[in-house]
Amino acid sequence: MNDPMRGRIRELLRVDSEAETSTKRLLAIVGVGAALLLLTLWLFSGGVTRHWNGMSH
């Protein structure tokens, strides 16, 4: 009775670790996408502030 339960727990843990790995991969993709978006927005706003230099400062 104890052994199947232990095997099931181990199986659940293995599935959980696989889910954790895919979650980390997803977070990494989202993080890179957000960083690129922020960089693009920063460059765009930098160009806009340079264009409207008299008004911004």
PDB file of N, CA and C in Angstrom:
ATOM      1  N   MET A   1       0.831  -1.206   0.000  1.00  0.00           N
ATOM      2  CA  MET A   1       0.000   0.000   0.000  1.00  0.00           C
ATOM      3  C   MET A   1       0.870   1.262   0.000  1.00  0.00           C
ATOM      4  N   ASN A   2       2.041   1.168   0.644  1.00  0.00           N
ATOM      5  CA  ASN A   2       2.899   2.335   0.760  1.00  0.00           C
ATOM      6  C   ASN A   2       3.702   2.587  -0.508  1.00  0.00           C
ATOM      7  N   ASP A   3       4.161   1.498  -1.153  1.00  0.00           N
ATOM      8  CA  ASP A   3       5.015   1.645  -2.329  1.00  0.00           C
ATOM      9  C   ASP A   3       4.340   2.338  -3.519  1.00  0.00           C
ATOM     10  N   PRO A   4       3.112   1.920  -3.910  1.00  0.00           N
ATOM     11  CA  PRO A   4       2.453   2.620  -5.025  1.00  0.00           C
ATOM     12  C   PRO A   4       2.256   4.104  -4.727  1.00  0.00           C
ATOM     13  N   MET A   5       1.951   4.415  -3.462  1.00  0.00           N
ATOM     14  CA  MET A   5       1.747   5.801  -3.082  1.00  0.00           C
ATOM     15  C   MET A   5       3.039   6.591  -3.270  1.00  0.00           C
ATOM     16  N   ARG A   6       4.153   6.003  -2.852  1.00  0.00           N
ATOM     17  CA  ARG A   6       5.448   6.659  -2.992  1.00  0.00           C
ATOM     18  C   ARG A   6       5.785   6.863  -4.470  1.00  0.00           C
ATOM     19  N   GLY A   7       5.467   5.837  -5.285  1.00  0.00           N
ATOM     20  CA  GLY A   7       5.710   5.940  -6.726  1.00  0.00           C
ATOM     21  C   GLY A   7       4.870   7.046  -7.343  1.00  0.00           C
ATOM     22  N   ARG A   8       3.624   7.150  -6.878  1.00  0.00           N
ATOM     23  CA  ARG A   8       2.731   8.184  -7.412  1.00  0.00           C
ATOM     24  C   ARG A   8       3.247   9.568  -7.038  1.00  0.00           C
ATOM     25  N   ILE A   9       3.711   9.728  -5.792  1.00  0.00           N
ATOM     26  CA  ILE A   9       4.253  11.014  -5.354  1.00  0.00           C
ATOM     27  C   ILE A   9       5.471  11.379  -6.201  1.00  0.00           C
ATOM     28  N   ARG A  10       6.329  10.368  -6.436  1.00  0.00           N
ATOM     29  CA  ARG A  10       7.526  10.617  -7.249  1.00  0.00           C
ATOM     30  C   ARG A  10       7.125  11.029  -8.668  1.00  0.00           C
ATOM     31  N   GLU A  11       6.070  10.377  -9.200  1.00  0.00           N
ATOM     32  CA  GLU A  11       5.594  10.708 -10.544  1.00  0.00           C
ATOM     33  C   GLU A  11       5.045  12.134 -10.581  1.00  0.00           C
ATOM     34  N   LEU A  12       4.287  12.499  -9.548  1.00  0.00           N
ATOM     35  CA  LEU A  12       3.742  13.850  -9.472  1.00  0.00           C
ATOM     36  C   LEU A  12       4.860  14.881  -9.381  1.00  0.00           C
ATOM     37  N   LEU A  13       5.899  14.562  -8.605  1.00  0.00           N
ATOM     38  CA  LEU A  13       7.026  15.478  -8.468  1.00  0.00           C
ATOM     39  C   LEU A  13       7.755  15.641  -9.798  1.00  0.00           C
ATOM     40  N   ARG A  14       7.889  14.538 -10.524  1.00  0.00           N
ATOM     41  CA  ARG A  14       8.578  14.601 -11.819  1.00  0.00           C
ATOM     42  C   ARG A  14       7.782  15.468 -12.799  1.00  0.00           C
ATOM     43  N   VAL A  15       6.460  15.286 -12.819  1.00  0.00           N
ATOM     44  CA  VAL A  15       5.608  16.093 -13.693  1.00  0.00           C
ATOM     45  C   VAL A  15       5.689  17.559 -13.280  1.00  0.00           C
ATOM     46  N   ASP A  16       5.705  17.800 -11.966  1.00  0.00           N
ATOM     47  CA  ASP A  16       5.760  19.163 -11.462  1.00  0.00           C
ATOM     48  C   ASP A  16       7.062  19.833 -11.877  1.00  0.00           C
ATOM     49  N   SER A  17       8.177  19.094 -11.812  1.00  0.00           N
ATOM     50  CA  SER A  17       9.462  19.671 -12.194  1.00  0.00           C
ATOM     51  C   SER A  17       9.494  19.964 -13.693  1.00  0.00           C
ATOM     52  N   GLU A  18       8.846  19.109 -14.499  1.00  0.00           N
ATOM     53  CA  GLU A  18       8.766  19.364 -15.937  1.00  0.00           C
ATOM     54  C   GLU A  18       7.948  20.617 -16.207  1.00  0.00           C
ATOM     55  N   ALA A  19       6.850  20.773 -15.467  1.00  0.00           N
ATOM     56  CA  ALA A  19       6.016  21.958 -15.612  1.00  0.00           C
ATOM     57  C   ALA A  19       6.798  23.199 -15.193  1.00  0.00           C
ATOM     58  N   GLU A  20       7.611  23.057 -14.139  1.00  0.00           N
ATOM     59  CA  GLU A  20       8.420  24.173 -13.665  1.00  0.00           C
ATOM     60  C   GLU A  20       9.432  24.589 -14.722  1.00  0.00           C
ATOM     61  N   THR A  21      10.022  23.609 -15.405  1.00  0.00           N
ATOM     62  CA  THR A  21      10.995  23.901 -16.458  1.00  0.00           C
ATOM     63  C   THR A  21      10.337  24.655 -17.602  1.00  0.00           C
ATOM     64  N   SER A  22       9.154  24.201 -18.029  1.00  0.00           N
ATOM     65  CA  SER A  22       8.458  24.875 -19.126  1.00  0.00           C
ATOM     66  C   SER A  22       8.019  26.267 -18.694  1.00  0.00           C
ATOM     67  N   THR A  23       7.651  26.422 -17.409  1.00  0.00           N
ATOM     68  CA  THR A  23       7.264  27.731 -16.896  1.00  0.00           C
ATOM     69  C   THR A  23       8.453  28.675 -16.913  1.00  0.00           C
ATOM     70  N   LYS A  24       9.628  28.173 -16.509  1.00  0.00           N
ATOM     71  CA  LYS A  24      10.834  28.999 -16.537  1.00  0.00           C
ATOM     72  C   LYS A  24      11.178  29.408 -17.963  1.00  0.00           C
ATOM     73  N   ARG A  25      11.001  28.466 -18.901  1.00  0.00           N
ATOM     74  CA  ARG A  25      11.271  28.779 -20.305  1.00  0.00           C
ATOM     75  C   ARG A  25      10.310  29.856 -20.792  1.00  0.00           C
ATOM     76  N   LEU A  26       9.028  29.727 -20.414  1.00  0.00           N
ATOM     77  CA  LEU A  26       8.026  30.711 -20.807  1.00  0.00           C
ATOM     78  C   LEU A  26       8.356  32.076 -20.214  1.00  0.00           C
ATOM     79  N   LEU A  27       8.750  32.088 -18.927  1.00  0.00           N
ATOM     80  CA  LEU A  27       9.118  33.338 -18.278  1.00  0.00           C
ATOM     81  C   LEU A  27      10.329  33.969 -18.951  1.00  0.00           C
ATOM     82  N   ALA A  28      11.280  33.141 -19.367  1.00  0.00           N
ATOM     83  CA  ALA A  28      12.469  33.658 -20.053  1.00  0.00           C
ATOM     84  C   ALA A  28      12.078  34.307 -21.376  1.00  0.00           C
ATOM     85  N   ILE A  29      11.186  33.649 -22.123  1.00  0.00           N
ATOM     86  CA  ILE A  29      10.725  34.200 -23.404  1.00  0.00           C
ATOM     87  C   ILE A  29       9.990  35.519 -23.174  1.00  0.00           C
ATOM     88  N   VAL A  30       9.110  35.539 -22.173  1.00  0.00           N
ATOM     89  CA  VAL A  30       8.357  36.754 -21.855  1.00  0.00           C
ATOM     90  C   VAL A  30       9.303  37.863 -21.407  1.00  0.00           C
ATOM     91  N   GLY A  31      10.310  37.480 -20.598  1.00  0.00           N
ATOM     92  CA  GLY A  31      11.279  38.469 -20.111  1.00  0.00           C
ATOM     93  C   GLY A  31      12.069  39.091 -21.246  1.00  0.00           C
ATOM     94  N   VAL A  32      12.518  38.256 -22.179  1.00  0.00           N
ATOM     95  CA  VAL A  32      13.268  38.766 -23.332  1.00  0.00           C
ATOM     96  C   VAL A  32      12.376  39.658 -24.194  1.00  0.00           C
ATOM     97  N   GLY A  33      11.141  39.225 -24.391  1.00  0.00           N
ATOM     98  CA  GLY A  33      10.204  40.023 -25.180  1.00  0.00           C
ATOM     99  C   GLY A  33       9.938  41.373 -24.526  1.00  0.00           C
ATOM    100  N   ALA A  34       9.761  41.370 -23.207  1.00  0.00           N
ATOM    101  CA  ALA A  34       9.522  42.614 -22.477  1.00  0.00           C
ATOM    102  C   ALA A  34      10.746  43.524 -22.552  1.00  0.00           C
ATOM    103  N   ALA A  35      11.940  42.930 -22.441  1.00  0.00           N
ATOM    104  CA  ALA A  35      13.175  43.715 -22.510  1.00  0.00           C
ATOM    105  C   ALA A  35      13.318  44.364 -23.887  1.00  0.00           C
ATOM    106  N   LEU A  36      13.032  43.605 -24.940  1.00  0.00           N
ATOM    107  CA  LEU A  36      13.105  44.157 -26.293  1.00  0.00           C
ATOM    108  C   LEU A  36      12.073  45.263 -26.483  1.00  0.00           C
ATOM    109  N   LEU A  37      10.873  45.053 -25.938  1.00  0.00           N
ATOM    110  CA  LEU A  37       9.821  46.059 -26.048  1.00  0.00           C
ATOM    111  C   LEU A  37      10.223  47.339 -25.324  1.00  0.00           C
ATOM    112  N   LEU A  38      10.755  47.178 -24.100  1.00  0.00           N
ATOM    113  CA  LEU A  38      11.201  48.337 -23.334  1.00  0.00           C
ATOM    114  C   LEU A  38      12.336  49.056 -24.047  1.00  0.00           C
ATOM    115  N   LEU A  39      13.261  48.298 -24.619  1.00  0.00           N
ATOM    116  CA  LEU A  39      14.379  48.895 -25.348  1.00  0.00           C
ATOM    117  C   LEU A  39      13.866  49.685 -26.545  1.00  0.00           C
ATOM    118  N   THR A  40      12.908  49.112 -27.268  1.00  0.00           N
ATOM    119  CA  THR A  40      12.326  49.793 -28.424  1.00  0.00           C
ATOM    120  C   THR A  40      11.615  51.069 -27.988  1.00  0.00           C
ATOM    121  N   LEU A  41      10.824  50.968 -26.914  1.00  0.00           N
ATOM    122  CA  LEU A  41      10.122  52.144 -26.402  1.00  0.00           C
ATOM    123  C   LEU A  41      11.108  53.202 -25.923  1.00  0.00           C
ATOM    124  N   TRP A  42      12.202  52.759 -25.267  1.00  0.00           N
ATOM    125  CA  TRP A  42      13.208  53.684 -24.758  1.00  0.00           C
ATOM    126  C   TRP A  42      13.879  54.416 -25.916  1.00  0.00           C
ATOM    127  N   LEU A  43      14.245  53.666 -26.956  1.00  0.00           N
ATOM    128  CA  LEU A  43      14.868  54.283 -28.136  1.00  0.00           C
ATOM    129  C   LEU A  43      13.893  55.234 -28.814  1.00  0.00           C
ATOM    130  N   PHE A  44      12.631  54.814 -28.917  1.00  0.00           N
ATOM    131  CA  PHE A  44      11.618  55.646 -29.562  1.00  0.00           C
ATOM    132  C   PHE A  44      11.398  56.932 -28.765  1.00  0.00           C
ATOM    133  N   SER A  45      11.247  56.791 -27.444  1.00  0.00           N
ATOM    134  CA  SER A  45      11.035  57.972 -26.606  1.00  0.00           C
ATOM    135  C   SER A  45      12.285  58.849 -26.606  1.00  0.00           C
ATOM    136  N   GLY A  46      13.470  58.217 -26.678  1.00  0.00           N
ATOM    137  CA  GLY A  46      14.717  58.982 -26.753  1.00  0.00           C
ATOM    138  C   GLY A  46      14.758  59.799 -28.027  1.00  0.00           C
ATOM    139  N   GLY A  47      14.336  59.193 -29.145  1.00  0.00           N
ATOM    140  CA  GLY A  47      14.297  59.908 -30.413  1.00  0.00           C
ATOM    141  C   GLY A  47      13.269  61.029 -30.372  1.00  0.00           C
ATOM    142  N   VAL A  48      12.113  60.752 -29.752  1.00  0.00           N
ATOM    143  CA  VAL A  48      11.058  61.760 -29.660  1.00  0.00           C
ATOM    144  C   VAL A  48      11.506  62.918 -28.780  1.00  0.00           C
ATOM    145  N   THR A  49      12.146  62.620 -27.645  1.00  0.00           N
ATOM    146  CA  THR A  49      12.591  63.698 -26.755  1.00  0.00           C
ATOM    147  C   THR A  49      13.694  64.510 -27.417  1.00  0.00           C
ATOM    148  N   ARG A  50      14.522  63.853 -28.247  1.00  0.00           N
ATOM    149  CA  ARG A  50      15.544  64.589 -28.969  1.00  0.00           C
ATOM    150  C   ARG A  50      14.879  65.500 -30.001  1.00  0.00           C
ATOM    151  N   HIS A  51      13.799  65.015 -30.587  1.00  0.00           N
ATOM    152  CA  HIS A  51      13.080  65.795 -31.593  1.00  0.00           C
ATOM    153  C   HIS A  51      12.389  66.984 -30.942  1.00  0.00           C
ATOM    154  N   TRP A  52      11.769  66.740 -29.780  1.00  0.00           N
ATOM    155  CA  TRP A  52      11.081  67.813 -29.062  1.00  0.00           C
ATOM    156  C   TRP A  52      11.961  68.326 -27.925  1.00  0.00           C
ATOM    157  N   ASN A  53      13.230  68.595 -28.223  1.00  0.00           N
ATOM    158  CA  ASN A  53      14.187  68.954 -27.187  1.00  0.00           C
ATOM    159  C   ASN A  53      13.801  70.250 -26.487  1.00  0.00           C
ATOM    160  N   GLY A  54      13.285  71.211 -27.204  1.00  0.00           N
ATOM    161  CA  GLY A  54      12.932  72.492 -26.598  1.00  0.00           C
ATOM    162  C   GLY A  54      11.795  72.359 -25.602  1.00  0.00           C
ATOM    163  N   MET A  55      10.833  71.452 -25.858  1.00  0.00           N
ATOM    164  CA  MET A  55       9.667  71.326 -24.991  1.00  0.00           C
ATOM    165  C   MET A  55       9.938  70.452 -23.773  1.00  0.00           C
ATOM    166  N   SER A  56      10.725  69.373 -23.947  1.00  0.00           N
ATOM    167  CA  SER A  56      10.876  68.390 -22.873  1.00  0.00           C
ATOM    168  C   SER A  56      11.666  68.951 -21.695  1.00  0.00           C
ATOM    169  N   HIS A  57      12.747  69.628 -21.968  1.00  0.00           N
ATOM    170  CA  HIS A  57      13.570  70.136 -20.871  1.00  0.00           C
ATOM    171  C   HIS A  57      13.094  71.522 -20.497  1.00  0.00           C
TER     172      HIS A  57
END
